[in-house]
Amino acid sequence: MNDRPAKKAYKSESITVTFEARRCLHATECVRGLPEVFDTAARPWIRPDGAAADRLAEVVRRCPSGALQYQLADGGPEVPERPTRITRGSTGRLTVRGALRVDTPERPRAETRAILCGCRQSQLQPYCDHAGPCGR
């Protein structure tokens, strides 16, 4: 199991972006969407002051795995998509978007986006971690 911190927070005056590295499946929606904020060659690699909060929130919502999430400084959380959608990919993993409650070994988690393992080989159950055939 990965021993990195569960989530790391990157704060600006208007938005806090959190990143859970072990859930990242490298879809690169963040880097392609706002390279001035998300730069994997820089440290820190997320600089939330690099874009307006509404634009940054829009790009974070593109992250299919939910590894990236946000909280607006005024208290506004991410609003889940309606209706909730579940899509099974050709390899078996499930992409889920909407108002979710995901039961994990630690505790139930409220989510708006997740990629769930379809092959049962992930070490991050129920999330996909690329360990088995559904993550490839």
N, C-alpha and C. Protein backbone atom coordinates (compact mmCIF):
# COMPACT_ATOMS: atom_id res chain seq x y z
N MET A 1 0.85 -1.18 0.00
CA MET A 1 0.00 0.00 0.00
C MET A 1 0.89 1.23 0.00
N ASN A 2 0.43 2.26 -0.64
CA ASN A 2 1.16 3.52 -0.73
C ASN A 2 1.16 4.20 0.64
N ASP A 3 2.31 4.75 1.06
CA ASP A 3 2.38 5.39 2.36
C ASP A 3 2.36 6.92 2.27
N ARG A 4 1.95 7.46 1.13
CA ARG A 4 1.80 8.90 1.00
C ARG A 4 0.61 9.37 1.83
N PRO A 5 0.58 10.66 2.22
CA PRO A 5 -0.58 11.17 2.95
C PRO A 5 -1.85 10.96 2.13
N ALA A 6 -2.95 10.73 2.82
CA ALA A 6 -4.21 10.47 2.12
C ALA A 6 -4.59 11.62 1.20
N LYS A 7 -4.56 12.85 1.70
CA LYS A 7 -4.88 14.02 0.89
C LYS A 7 -3.94 15.15 1.24
N LYS A 8 -3.60 15.92 0.23
CA LYS A 8 -2.79 17.12 0.44
C LYS A 8 -3.61 18.31 -0.03
N ALA A 9 -3.60 19.39 0.74
CA ALA A 9 -4.39 20.57 0.41
C ALA A 9 -3.50 21.69 -0.14
N TYR A 10 -4.02 22.38 -1.14
CA TYR A 10 -3.36 23.51 -1.78
C TYR A 10 -4.35 24.66 -1.70
N LYS A 11 -4.00 25.73 -0.97
CA LYS A 11 -4.96 26.79 -0.65
C LYS A 11 -4.61 28.11 -1.33
N SER A 12 -5.67 28.81 -1.71
CA SER A 12 -5.57 30.21 -2.12
C SER A 12 -6.63 30.96 -1.32
N GLU A 13 -6.76 32.25 -1.55
CA GLU A 13 -7.77 33.02 -0.82
C GLU A 13 -9.19 32.57 -1.16
N SER A 14 -9.42 32.07 -2.36
CA SER A 14 -10.78 31.80 -2.80
C SER A 14 -11.13 30.31 -2.92
N ILE A 15 -10.13 29.43 -2.94
CA ILE A 15 -10.41 28.01 -3.15
C ILE A 15 -9.30 27.15 -2.53
N THR A 16 -9.70 25.99 -2.05
CA THR A 16 -8.74 24.98 -1.61
C THR A 16 -8.93 23.76 -2.50
N VAL A 17 -7.84 23.31 -3.11
CA VAL A 17 -7.86 22.11 -3.94
C VAL A 17 -7.16 21.02 -3.15
N THR A 18 -7.79 19.85 -3.06
CA THR A 18 -7.14 18.72 -2.41
C THR A 18 -6.79 17.68 -3.46
N PHE A 19 -5.70 16.96 -3.19
CA PHE A 19 -5.22 15.93 -4.10
C PHE A 19 -4.93 14.67 -3.31
N GLU A 20 -5.54 13.57 -3.71
CA GLU A 20 -5.33 12.26 -3.11
C GLU A 20 -4.56 11.42 -4.13
N ALA A 21 -3.23 11.41 -4.00
CA ALA A 21 -2.35 10.82 -5.01
C ALA A 21 -2.67 9.37 -5.31
N ARG A 22 -3.00 8.58 -4.32
CA ARG A 22 -3.22 7.16 -4.56
C ARG A 22 -4.46 6.88 -5.39
N ARG A 23 -5.36 7.87 -5.53
CA ARG A 23 -6.54 7.69 -6.38
C ARG A 23 -6.31 8.22 -7.80
N CYS A 24 -5.22 8.91 -8.03
CA CYS A 24 -4.97 9.51 -9.34
C CYS A 24 -4.68 8.42 -10.38
N LEU A 25 -5.40 8.46 -11.49
CA LEU A 25 -5.20 7.50 -12.57
C LEU A 25 -4.59 8.18 -13.80
N HIS A 26 -4.08 9.38 -13.64
CA HIS A 26 -3.32 10.10 -14.65
C HIS A 26 -4.10 10.33 -15.95
N ALA A 27 -5.34 10.77 -15.80
CA ALA A 27 -6.14 11.15 -16.96
C ALA A 27 -5.64 12.46 -17.56
N THR A 28 -4.91 13.24 -16.84
CA THR A 28 -4.30 14.53 -17.20
C THR A 28 -5.30 15.62 -17.57
N GLU A 29 -6.53 15.47 -17.15
CA GLU A 29 -7.53 16.53 -17.39
C GLU A 29 -7.09 17.84 -16.74
N CYS A 30 -6.47 17.75 -15.57
CA CYS A 30 -6.03 18.95 -14.86
C CYS A 30 -4.91 19.67 -15.62
N VAL A 31 -3.89 18.93 -15.99
CA VAL A 31 -2.73 19.51 -16.68
C VAL A 31 -3.13 20.10 -18.02
N ARG A 32 -3.96 19.39 -18.76
CA ARG A 32 -4.42 19.92 -20.05
C ARG A 32 -5.36 21.10 -19.88
N GLY A 33 -6.17 21.08 -18.81
CA GLY A 33 -7.16 22.13 -18.60
C GLY A 33 -6.59 23.44 -18.09
N LEU A 34 -5.63 23.38 -17.18
CA LEU A 34 -5.03 24.59 -16.60
C LEU A 34 -3.55 24.35 -16.32
N PRO A 35 -2.72 24.33 -17.35
CA PRO A 35 -1.30 24.07 -17.13
C PRO A 35 -0.62 25.14 -16.26
N GLU A 36 -1.20 26.34 -16.19
CA GLU A 36 -0.63 27.38 -15.33
C GLU A 36 -0.90 27.11 -13.84
N VAL A 37 -1.81 26.21 -13.53
CA VAL A 37 -2.10 25.82 -12.15
C VAL A 37 -1.51 24.45 -11.84
N PHE A 38 -1.68 23.51 -12.76
CA PHE A 38 -1.24 22.12 -12.56
C PHE A 38 0.01 21.87 -13.40
N ASP A 39 1.17 21.86 -12.74
CA ASP A 39 2.44 21.69 -13.43
C ASP A 39 3.23 20.61 -12.68
N THR A 40 3.27 19.41 -13.24
CA THR A 40 3.91 18.28 -12.56
C THR A 40 5.43 18.44 -12.43
N ALA A 41 6.02 19.36 -13.16
CA ALA A 41 7.46 19.59 -13.05
C ALA A 41 7.79 20.60 -11.95
N ALA A 42 6.80 21.31 -11.42
CA ALA A 42 7.03 22.34 -10.40
C ALA A 42 6.71 21.80 -9.01
N ARG A 43 7.20 22.48 -7.99
CA ARG A 43 6.85 22.17 -6.61
C ARG A 43 6.48 23.47 -5.92
N PRO A 44 5.32 23.61 -5.35
CA PRO A 44 4.25 22.62 -5.40
C PRO A 44 3.68 22.50 -6.81
N TRP A 45 3.15 21.34 -7.13
CA TRP A 45 2.68 21.11 -8.49
C TRP A 45 1.29 21.71 -8.73
N ILE A 46 0.58 22.06 -7.67
CA ILE A 46 -0.73 22.72 -7.79
C ILE A 46 -0.58 24.12 -7.20
N ARG A 47 -0.89 25.13 -8.01
CA ARG A 47 -0.82 26.53 -7.57
C ARG A 47 -2.19 27.17 -7.82
N PRO A 48 -3.08 27.09 -6.83
CA PRO A 48 -4.46 27.55 -7.03
C PRO A 48 -4.59 29.04 -7.29
N ASP A 49 -3.58 29.83 -6.98
CA ASP A 49 -3.63 31.26 -7.29
C ASP A 49 -3.47 31.54 -8.78
N GLY A 50 -3.17 30.51 -9.57
CA GLY A 50 -2.91 30.70 -11.00
C GLY A 50 -4.13 30.85 -11.87
N ALA A 51 -5.33 30.76 -11.29
CA ALA A 51 -6.57 30.90 -12.08
C ALA A 51 -7.71 31.33 -11.17
N ALA A 52 -8.74 31.85 -11.77
CA ALA A 52 -9.94 32.22 -11.00
C ALA A 52 -10.57 30.97 -10.40
N ALA A 53 -11.15 31.10 -9.22
CA ALA A 53 -11.70 29.95 -8.50
C ALA A 53 -12.75 29.21 -9.31
N ASP A 54 -13.62 29.91 -10.03
CA ASP A 54 -14.66 29.23 -10.80
C ASP A 54 -14.07 28.42 -11.94
N ARG A 55 -13.05 28.94 -12.58
CA ARG A 55 -12.37 28.21 -13.66
C ARG A 55 -11.63 27.00 -13.10
N LEU A 56 -10.95 27.17 -11.99
CA LEU A 56 -10.23 26.08 -11.35
C LEU A 56 -11.20 24.98 -10.92
N ALA A 57 -12.32 25.36 -10.33
CA ALA A 57 -13.33 24.37 -9.92
C ALA A 57 -13.84 23.59 -11.13
N GLU A 58 -14.04 24.27 -12.24
CA GLU A 58 -14.53 23.60 -13.45
C GLU A 58 -13.54 22.55 -13.94
N VAL A 59 -12.25 22.86 -13.89
CA VAL A 59 -11.23 21.90 -14.33
C VAL A 59 -11.11 20.75 -13.32
N VAL A 60 -11.17 21.04 -12.04
CA VAL A 60 -11.11 19.98 -11.02
C VAL A 60 -12.26 18.99 -11.23
N ARG A 61 -13.44 19.48 -11.57
CA ARG A 61 -14.59 18.59 -11.81
C ARG A 61 -14.37 17.65 -12.98
N ARG A 62 -13.41 17.95 -13.85
CA ARG A 62 -13.10 17.04 -14.98
C ARG A 62 -12.34 15.80 -14.53
N CYS A 63 -11.72 15.85 -13.37
CA CYS A 63 -10.93 14.72 -12.87
C CYS A 63 -11.86 13.52 -12.66
N PRO A 64 -11.73 12.49 -13.48
CA PRO A 64 -12.69 11.39 -13.40
C PRO A 64 -12.58 10.54 -12.14
N SER A 65 -11.39 10.47 -11.56
CA SER A 65 -11.19 9.59 -10.40
C SER A 65 -11.61 10.21 -9.08
N GLY A 66 -11.75 11.53 -9.05
CA GLY A 66 -12.03 12.21 -7.79
C GLY A 66 -10.78 12.45 -6.97
N ALA A 67 -9.60 12.17 -7.53
CA ALA A 67 -8.34 12.43 -6.82
C ALA A 67 -8.21 13.91 -6.51
N LEU A 68 -8.70 14.76 -7.40
CA LEU A 68 -8.75 16.20 -7.17
C LEU A 68 -10.15 16.58 -6.72
N GLN A 69 -10.23 17.38 -5.68
CA GLN A 69 -11.50 17.91 -5.21
C GLN A 69 -11.27 19.35 -4.80
N TYR A 70 -12.34 20.09 -4.54
CA TYR A 70 -12.19 21.48 -4.14
C TYR A 70 -13.24 21.88 -3.12
N GLN A 71 -12.91 22.95 -2.43
CA GLN A 71 -13.83 23.62 -1.50
C GLN A 71 -13.63 25.11 -1.72
N LEU A 72 -14.70 25.83 -2.00
CA LEU A 72 -14.60 27.27 -2.17
C LEU A 72 -14.46 27.93 -0.80
N ALA A 73 -13.74 29.05 -0.73
CA ALA A 73 -13.49 29.73 0.54
C ALA A 73 -14.78 30.18 1.20
N ASP A 74 -15.79 30.48 0.40
CA ASP A 74 -17.07 30.89 0.97
C ASP A 74 -17.89 29.71 1.47
N GLY A 75 -17.27 28.51 1.48
CA GLY A 75 -17.94 27.34 2.02
C GLY A 75 -18.63 26.48 0.99
N GLY A 76 -18.62 26.91 -0.26
CA GLY A 76 -19.32 26.16 -1.30
C GLY A 76 -18.60 24.89 -1.70
N PRO A 77 -19.20 23.73 -1.42
CA PRO A 77 -18.59 22.47 -1.84
C PRO A 77 -18.93 22.17 -3.31
N GLU A 78 -18.30 21.17 -3.83
CA GLU A 78 -18.60 20.71 -5.18
C GLU A 78 -20.04 20.20 -5.23
N VAL A 79 -20.77 20.62 -6.24
CA VAL A 79 -22.16 20.18 -6.42
C VAL A 79 -22.14 18.95 -7.31
N PRO A 80 -22.73 17.84 -6.85
CA PRO A 80 -22.71 16.62 -7.67
C PRO A 80 -23.57 16.75 -8.92
N GLU A 81 -23.16 16.04 -9.97
CA GLU A 81 -23.96 16.01 -11.20
C GLU A 81 -25.28 15.31 -10.92
N ARG A 82 -26.29 15.69 -11.64
CA ARG A 82 -27.61 15.05 -11.56
C ARG A 82 -28.05 14.73 -12.97
N PRO A 83 -28.57 13.60 -13.24
CA PRO A 83 -28.66 12.46 -12.35
C PRO A 83 -27.30 11.77 -12.21
N THR A 84 -27.19 10.92 -11.21
CA THR A 84 -25.97 10.13 -11.02
C THR A 84 -25.80 9.21 -12.22
N ARG A 85 -24.55 9.12 -12.72
CA ARG A 85 -24.26 8.26 -13.89
C ARG A 85 -23.19 7.25 -13.54
N ILE A 86 -23.38 6.03 -14.02
CA ILE A 86 -22.38 4.96 -13.88
C ILE A 86 -22.08 4.44 -15.26
N THR A 87 -20.81 4.41 -15.63
CA THR A 87 -20.39 3.91 -16.93
C THR A 87 -19.35 2.83 -16.73
N ARG A 88 -19.54 1.68 -17.36
CA ARG A 88 -18.55 0.60 -17.30
C ARG A 88 -17.67 0.71 -18.54
N GLY A 89 -16.37 0.80 -18.31
CA GLY A 89 -15.42 0.86 -19.42
C GLY A 89 -15.17 -0.52 -20.00
N SER A 90 -14.47 -0.58 -21.11
CA SER A 90 -14.21 -1.85 -21.79
C SER A 90 -13.38 -2.81 -20.94
N THR A 91 -12.63 -2.28 -19.97
CA THR A 91 -11.81 -3.13 -19.11
C THR A 91 -12.54 -3.55 -17.83
N GLY A 92 -13.71 -2.99 -17.59
CA GLY A 92 -14.52 -3.38 -16.43
C GLY A 92 -14.61 -2.36 -15.32
N ARG A 93 -13.71 -1.37 -15.31
CA ARG A 93 -13.81 -0.40 -14.23
C ARG A 93 -15.03 0.50 -14.42
N LEU A 94 -15.53 1.00 -13.32
CA LEU A 94 -16.75 1.81 -13.31
C LEU A 94 -16.40 3.27 -13.05
N THR A 95 -16.85 4.14 -13.93
CA THR A 95 -16.72 5.58 -13.72
C THR A 95 -18.08 6.06 -13.22
N VAL A 96 -18.06 6.71 -12.06
CA VAL A 96 -19.30 7.12 -11.40
C VAL A 96 -19.24 8.62 -11.14
N ARG A 97 -20.33 9.32 -11.46
CA ARG A 97 -20.44 10.76 -11.23
C ARG A 97 -21.82 11.05 -10.67
N GLY A 98 -21.87 11.84 -9.61
CA GLY A 98 -23.15 12.22 -9.02
C GLY A 98 -23.04 12.28 -7.51
N ALA A 99 -24.17 12.21 -6.84
CA ALA A 99 -24.22 12.20 -5.37
C ALA A 99 -23.98 10.76 -4.92
N LEU A 100 -22.80 10.50 -4.37
CA LEU A 100 -22.39 9.14 -4.06
C LEU A 100 -22.08 8.96 -2.58
N ARG A 101 -22.28 7.77 -2.12
CA ARG A 101 -21.75 7.31 -0.83
C ARG A 101 -20.97 6.06 -1.15
N VAL A 102 -19.67 6.12 -0.97
CA VAL A 102 -18.80 4.99 -1.28
C VAL A 102 -18.36 4.37 0.03
N ASP A 103 -18.67 3.09 0.21
CA ASP A 103 -18.25 2.38 1.41
C ASP A 103 -16.82 1.89 1.22
N THR A 104 -15.91 2.38 2.04
CA THR A 104 -14.51 1.99 2.00
C THR A 104 -14.21 1.19 3.27
N PRO A 105 -13.07 0.50 3.30
CA PRO A 105 -12.72 -0.24 4.51
C PRO A 105 -12.61 0.66 5.75
N GLU A 106 -12.20 1.93 5.57
CA GLU A 106 -12.06 2.85 6.70
C GLU A 106 -13.39 3.39 7.17
N ARG A 107 -14.19 3.89 6.21
CA ARG A 107 -15.46 4.54 6.56
C ARG A 107 -16.21 4.87 5.26
N PRO A 108 -17.51 5.10 5.36
CA PRO A 108 -18.23 5.58 4.18
C PRO A 108 -17.75 6.99 3.82
N ARG A 109 -17.67 7.27 2.52
CA ARG A 109 -17.21 8.58 2.05
C ARG A 109 -18.24 9.18 1.12
N ALA A 110 -18.53 10.46 1.32
CA ALA A 110 -19.36 11.20 0.36
C ALA A 110 -18.45 11.59 -0.79
N GLU A 111 -18.90 11.33 -1.99
CA GLU A 111 -18.10 11.60 -3.20
C GLU A 111 -19.00 12.23 -4.27
N THR A 112 -18.36 12.87 -5.23
CA THR A 112 -19.08 13.34 -6.41
C THR A 112 -18.55 12.67 -7.67
N ARG A 113 -17.32 12.08 -7.59
CA ARG A 113 -16.71 11.41 -8.72
C ARG A 113 -15.83 10.29 -8.21
N ALA A 114 -15.84 9.17 -8.91
CA ALA A 114 -14.97 8.06 -8.52
C ALA A 114 -14.81 7.10 -9.69
N ILE A 115 -13.67 6.42 -9.71
CA ILE A 115 -13.47 5.30 -10.62
C ILE A 115 -13.29 4.08 -9.72
N LEU A 116 -14.22 3.15 -9.87
CA LEU A 116 -14.26 1.97 -9.00
C LEU A 116 -13.69 0.76 -9.73
N CYS A 117 -13.02 -0.09 -8.97
CA CYS A 117 -12.39 -1.29 -9.50
C CYS A 117 -13.46 -2.31 -9.92
N GLY A 118 -13.28 -2.87 -11.09
CA GLY A 118 -14.20 -3.91 -11.57
C GLY A 118 -13.59 -5.30 -11.54
N CYS A 119 -12.29 -5.42 -11.24
CA CYS A 119 -11.62 -6.73 -11.28
C CYS A 119 -11.25 -7.25 -9.90
N ARG A 120 -11.44 -6.45 -8.86
CA ARG A 120 -11.18 -6.82 -7.46
C ARG A 120 -9.69 -6.99 -7.14
N GLN A 121 -8.79 -6.47 -7.98
CA GLN A 121 -7.36 -6.60 -7.72
C GLN A 121 -6.73 -5.32 -7.17
N SER A 122 -7.49 -4.26 -7.07
CA SER A 122 -6.98 -3.00 -6.54
C SER A 122 -6.64 -3.13 -5.07
N GLN A 123 -5.54 -2.50 -4.67
CA GLN A 123 -5.17 -2.42 -3.26
C GLN A 123 -5.86 -1.25 -2.58
N LEU A 124 -6.66 -0.52 -3.31
CA LEU A 124 -7.34 0.68 -2.81
C LEU A 124 -8.85 0.50 -2.87
N GLN A 125 -9.33 -0.70 -2.69
CA GLN A 125 -10.75 -1.01 -2.81
C GLN A 125 -11.60 0.00 -2.04
N PRO A 126 -12.70 0.42 -2.64
CA PRO A 126 -13.28 -0.03 -3.89
C PRO A 126 -12.78 0.74 -5.11
N TYR A 127 -11.82 1.67 -4.90
CA TYR A 127 -11.31 2.50 -5.99
C TYR A 127 -10.32 1.72 -6.86
N CYS A 128 -10.25 2.06 -8.12
CA CYS A 128 -9.30 1.46 -9.05
C CYS A 128 -7.92 2.08 -8.81
N ASP A 129 -6.88 1.25 -8.84
CA ASP A 129 -5.51 1.77 -8.70
C ASP A 129 -4.58 1.26 -9.83
N HIS A 130 -5.13 0.78 -10.91
CA HIS A 130 -4.38 0.26 -12.06
C HIS A 130 -3.71 -1.09 -11.77
N ALA A 131 -4.01 -1.75 -10.66
CA ALA A 131 -3.33 -2.99 -10.30
C ALA A 131 -3.72 -4.17 -11.17
N GLY A 132 -4.93 -4.21 -11.60
CA GLY A 132 -5.41 -5.37 -12.36
C GLY A 132 -5.83 -5.00 -13.76
N PRO A 133 -6.46 -5.92 -14.45
CA PRO A 133 -6.84 -5.70 -15.85
C PRO A 133 -7.85 -4.57 -16.05
N CYS A 134 -8.65 -4.25 -15.05
CA CYS A 134 -9.63 -3.16 -15.25
C CYS A 134 -8.96 -1.80 -15.27
N GLY A 135 -7.75 -1.69 -14.73
CA GLY A 135 -7.06 -0.42 -14.69
C GLY A 135 -6.15 -0.17 -15.87
N ARG A 136 -6.10 -1.09 -16.77
CA ARG A 136 -5.18 -0.95 -17.91
C ARG A 136 -5.87 -0.43 -19.14
